[in-house]
Amino acid sequence: MENRMYHYELVFMVHPDYSSKISKILDKYEKFILTNNGKIHRKEDWNRRQLAYSINNLKKAHYILMNFEIKEKNTILKIKKMLKMDSCIIRNIIIKNKKFTKGISPILKIKEEKKEQNTT
């Protein structure tokens, strides 16, 4: 049996009406990954952001990023199904990576640089 880990990056957009429940939504997917022998390397809350185009008459959505690894490819299919069935998630994308990603994402890096510029 192969003992290889598969690395993924998941970005999902939550309906703005559910922004107050982000921690519960994030916990749901985090627990699922961990109970399926996965490891989470990075999770970031990008807060509400302007959409490039409206989706279901929405102009903003709450963005979440997660980088994780799992052993079984079947688990990713289950995650995709969960995301599809979750009524508060309006869009998602899962990208397979060759290795795990660590460190801060470019989006948060820009946000922190702007914050530093404003304090100086």
C-alpha atoms as a PDB file:
ATOM      1  CA  MET A   1       0.000   0.000   0.000  1.00  0.00           C
ATOM      2  CA  GLU A   2       1.270   3.446  -0.954  1.00  0.00           C
ATOM      3  CA  ASN A   3       1.960   5.826   1.942  1.00  0.00           C
ATOM      4  CA  ARG A   4       2.089   8.998  -0.145  1.00  0.00           C
ATOM      5  CA  MET A   5       0.516  12.264   0.960  1.00  0.00           C
ATOM      6  CA  TYR A   6      -1.406  14.402  -1.528  1.00  0.00           C
ATOM      7  CA  HIS A   7      -1.191  18.180  -1.125  1.00  0.00           C
ATOM      8  CA  TYR A   8      -4.068  20.526  -1.888  1.00  0.00           C
ATOM      9  CA  GLU A   9      -4.967  24.179  -1.756  1.00  0.00           C
ATOM     10  CA  LEU A  10      -8.616  25.018  -1.138  1.00  0.00           C
ATOM     11  CA  VAL A  11     -10.166  28.461  -1.517  1.00  0.00           C
ATOM     12  CA  PHE A  12     -13.846  28.881  -0.852  1.00  0.00           C
ATOM     13  CA  MET A  13     -16.170  31.840  -0.790  1.00  0.00           C
ATOM     14  CA  VAL A  14     -18.854  32.068   1.867  1.00  0.00           C
ATOM     15  CA  HIS A  15     -22.099  33.972   1.376  1.00  0.00           C
ATOM     16  CA  PRO A  16     -21.733  37.305   3.240  1.00  0.00           C
ATOM     17  CA  ASP A  17     -24.833  36.573   5.347  1.00  0.00           C
ATOM     18  CA  TYR A  18     -22.843  33.737   6.982  1.00  0.00           C
ATOM     19  CA  SER A  19     -19.725  35.797   7.824  1.00  0.00           C
ATOM     20  CA  SER A  20     -20.535  35.556  11.531  1.00  0.00           C
ATOM     21  CA  LYS A  21     -20.396  31.745  11.289  1.00  0.00           C
ATOM     22  CA  ILE A  22     -16.997  31.527   9.571  1.00  0.00           C
ATOM     23  CA  SER A  23     -15.320  29.821  12.526  1.00  0.00           C
ATOM     24  CA  LYS A  24     -17.985  27.075  12.601  1.00  0.00           C
ATOM     25  CA  ILE A  25     -17.736  26.586   8.837  1.00  0.00           C
ATOM     26  CA  LEU A  26     -13.950  26.434   8.992  1.00  0.00           C
ATOM     27  CA  ASP A  27     -14.061  24.001  11.937  1.00  0.00           C
ATOM     28  CA  LYS A  28     -16.340  21.671   9.980  1.00  0.00           C
ATOM     29  CA  TYR A  29     -13.837  21.257   7.129  1.00  0.00           C
ATOM     30  CA  GLU A  30     -10.822  21.269   9.418  1.00  0.00           C
ATOM     31  CA  LYS A  31     -12.268  18.451  11.549  1.00  0.00           C
ATOM     32  CA  PHE A  32     -13.137  16.439   8.444  1.00  0.00           C
ATOM     33  CA  ILE A  33      -9.582  16.687   7.120  1.00  0.00           C
ATOM     34  CA  LEU A  34      -8.040  15.805  10.488  1.00  0.00           C
ATOM     35  CA  THR A  35     -10.366  12.839  11.116  1.00  0.00           C
ATOM     36  CA  ASN A  36      -9.391  11.479   7.694  1.00  0.00           C
ATOM     37  CA  ASN A  37      -5.677  11.403   8.656  1.00  0.00           C
ATOM     38  CA  GLY A  38      -4.953  14.740   6.999  1.00  0.00           C
ATOM     39  CA  LYS A  39      -2.738  17.613   8.084  1.00  0.00           C
ATOM     40  CA  ILE A  40      -3.486  21.300   7.717  1.00  0.00           C
ATOM     41  CA  HIS A  41      -0.459  23.424   6.887  1.00  0.00           C
ATOM     42  CA  ARG A  42      -2.077  26.807   6.450  1.00  0.00           C
ATOM     43  CA  LYS A  43      -5.482  28.392   6.931  1.00  0.00           C
ATOM     44  CA  GLU A  44      -6.244  32.017   6.356  1.00  0.00           C
ATOM     45  CA  ASP A  45      -9.336  34.121   6.679  1.00  0.00           C
ATOM     46  CA  TRP A  46      -9.191  36.794   3.972  1.00  0.00           C
ATOM     47  CA  ASN A  47     -12.388  38.421   5.269  1.00  0.00           C
ATOM     48  CA  ARG A  48     -14.958  39.974   2.960  1.00  0.00           C
ATOM     49  CA  ARG A  49     -13.663  40.899  -0.444  1.00  0.00           C
ATOM     50  CA  GLN A  50     -15.150  42.484  -3.521  1.00  0.00           C
ATOM     51  CA  LEU A  51     -16.101  39.962  -6.227  1.00  0.00           C
ATOM     52  CA  ALA A  52     -14.773  40.450  -9.770  1.00  0.00           C
ATOM     53  CA  TYR A  53     -18.333  39.894 -11.001  1.00  0.00           C
ATOM     54  CA  SER A  54     -21.611  39.418  -9.185  1.00  0.00           C
ATOM     55  CA  ILE A  55     -22.650  35.902  -8.217  1.00  0.00           C
ATOM     56  CA  ASN A  56     -26.335  35.408  -7.429  1.00  0.00           C
ATOM     57  CA  ASN A  57     -26.658  39.216  -7.146  1.00  0.00           C
ATOM     58  CA  LEU A  58     -23.869  39.334  -4.538  1.00  0.00           C
ATOM     59  CA  LYS A  59     -21.061  41.854  -4.818  1.00  0.00           C
ATOM     60  CA  LYS A  60     -18.939  40.584  -1.901  1.00  0.00           C
ATOM     61  CA  ALA A  61     -18.066  37.250  -0.311  1.00  0.00           C
ATOM     62  CA  HIS A  62     -16.022  36.023   2.630  1.00  0.00           C
ATOM     63  CA  TYR A  63     -12.874  34.193   1.442  1.00  0.00           C
ATOM     64  CA  ILE A  64     -11.082  31.312   3.193  1.00  0.00           C
ATOM     65  CA  LEU A  65      -7.808  29.630   2.156  1.00  0.00           C
ATOM     66  CA  MET A  66      -6.606  26.237   3.392  1.00  0.00           C
ATOM     67  CA  ASN A  67      -3.550  24.214   2.458  1.00  0.00           C
ATOM     68  CA  PHE A  68      -3.677  20.611   3.579  1.00  0.00           C
ATOM     69  CA  GLU A  69      -2.465  17.124   2.828  1.00  0.00           C
ATOM     70  CA  ILE A  70      -4.331  13.830   2.857  1.00  0.00           C
ATOM     71  CA  LYS A  71      -3.391  10.205   2.274  1.00  0.00           C
ATOM     72  CA  GLU A  72      -6.408   8.958   0.340  1.00  0.00           C
ATOM     73  CA  LYS A  73      -7.543  10.486  -2.947  1.00  0.00           C
ATOM     74  CA  ASN A  74     -11.094   9.446  -2.087  1.00  0.00           C
ATOM     75  CA  THR A  75     -11.130  11.985   0.761  1.00  0.00           C
ATOM     76  CA  ILE A  76     -10.835  14.880  -1.685  1.00  0.00           C
ATOM     77  CA  LEU A  77     -13.945  13.639  -3.484  1.00  0.00           C
ATOM     78  CA  LYS A  78     -15.800  13.701  -0.169  1.00  0.00           C
ATOM     79  CA  ILE A  79     -14.600  17.252   0.508  1.00  0.00           C
ATOM     80  CA  LYS A  80     -15.771  18.354  -2.943  1.00  0.00           C
ATOM     81  CA  LYS A  81     -19.187  16.845  -2.268  1.00  0.00           C
ATOM     82  CA  MET A  82     -19.395  18.574   1.137  1.00  0.00           C
ATOM     83  CA  LEU A  83     -18.541  21.924  -0.454  1.00  0.00           C
ATOM     84  CA  LYS A  84     -21.115  21.429  -3.189  1.00  0.00           C
ATOM     85  CA  MET A  85     -23.856  20.548  -0.684  1.00  0.00           C
ATOM     86  CA  ASP A  86     -23.038  23.391   1.722  1.00  0.00           C
ATOM     87  CA  SER A  87     -25.591  26.145   1.063  1.00  0.00           C
ATOM     88  CA  CYS A  88     -23.459  28.917   2.580  1.00  0.00           C
ATOM     89  CA  ILE A  89     -20.538  28.328   0.183  1.00  0.00           C
ATOM     90  CA  ILE A  90     -21.085  30.092  -3.126  1.00  0.00           C
ATOM     91  CA  ARG A  91     -17.856  29.072  -4.915  1.00  0.00           C
ATOM     92  CA  ASN A  92     -14.800  26.919  -4.269  1.00  0.00           C
ATOM     93  CA  ILE A  93     -11.691  25.671  -5.979  1.00  0.00           C
ATOM     94  CA  ILE A  94      -9.341  22.862  -5.003  1.00  0.00           C
ATOM     95  CA  ILE A  95      -5.902  22.729  -6.572  1.00  0.00           C
ATOM     96  CA  LYS A  96      -3.523  19.790  -6.247  1.00  0.00           C
ATOM     97  CA  ASN A  97       0.059  20.784  -5.421  1.00  0.00           C
ATOM     98  CA  LYS A  98       3.302  18.821  -5.720  1.00  0.00           C
ATOM     99  CA  LYS A  99       4.426  19.795  -2.215  1.00  0.00           C
ATOM    100  CA  PHE A 100       2.901  21.472   0.806  1.00  0.00           C
ATOM    101  CA  THR A 101       2.769  25.241   0.977  1.00  0.00           C
ATOM    102  CA  LYS A 102       3.820  27.093   4.085  1.00  0.00           C
ATOM    103  CA  GLY A 103       4.157  30.719   4.989  1.00  0.00           C
ATOM    104  CA  ILE A 104       1.835  33.593   4.409  1.00  0.00           C
ATOM    105  CA  SER A 105      -0.170  33.864   1.194  1.00  0.00           C
ATOM    106  CA  PRO A 106       0.494  36.711  -1.265  1.00  0.00           C
ATOM    107  CA  ILE A 107      -2.920  38.225  -0.463  1.00  0.00           C
ATOM    108  CA  LEU A 108      -2.194  38.532   3.255  1.00  0.00           C
ATOM    109  CA  LYS A 109       1.366  39.638   2.535  1.00  0.00           C
ATOM    110  CA  ILE A 110       0.069  42.620   0.531  1.00  0.00           C
ATOM    111  CA  LYS A 111      -2.446  43.393   3.271  1.00  0.00           C
ATOM    112  CA  GLU A 112       0.301  43.390   5.936  1.00  0.00           C
ATOM    113  CA  GLU A 113       2.599  45.565   3.781  1.00  0.00           C
ATOM    114  CA  LYS A 114      -0.187  48.137   3.376  1.00  0.00           C
ATOM    115  CA  LYS A 115      -0.791  48.024   7.131  1.00  0.00           C
ATOM    116  CA  GLU A 116       2.931  48.663   7.793  1.00  0.00           C
ATOM    117  CA  GLN A 117       2.974  51.573   5.331  1.00  0.00           C
ATOM    118  CA  ASN A 118       0.043  53.202   7.085  1.00  0.00           C
ATOM    119  CA  THR A 119       1.733  52.970  10.509  1.00  0.00           C
ATOM    120  CA  THR A 120       4.984  54.583   9.374  1.00  0.00           C
END
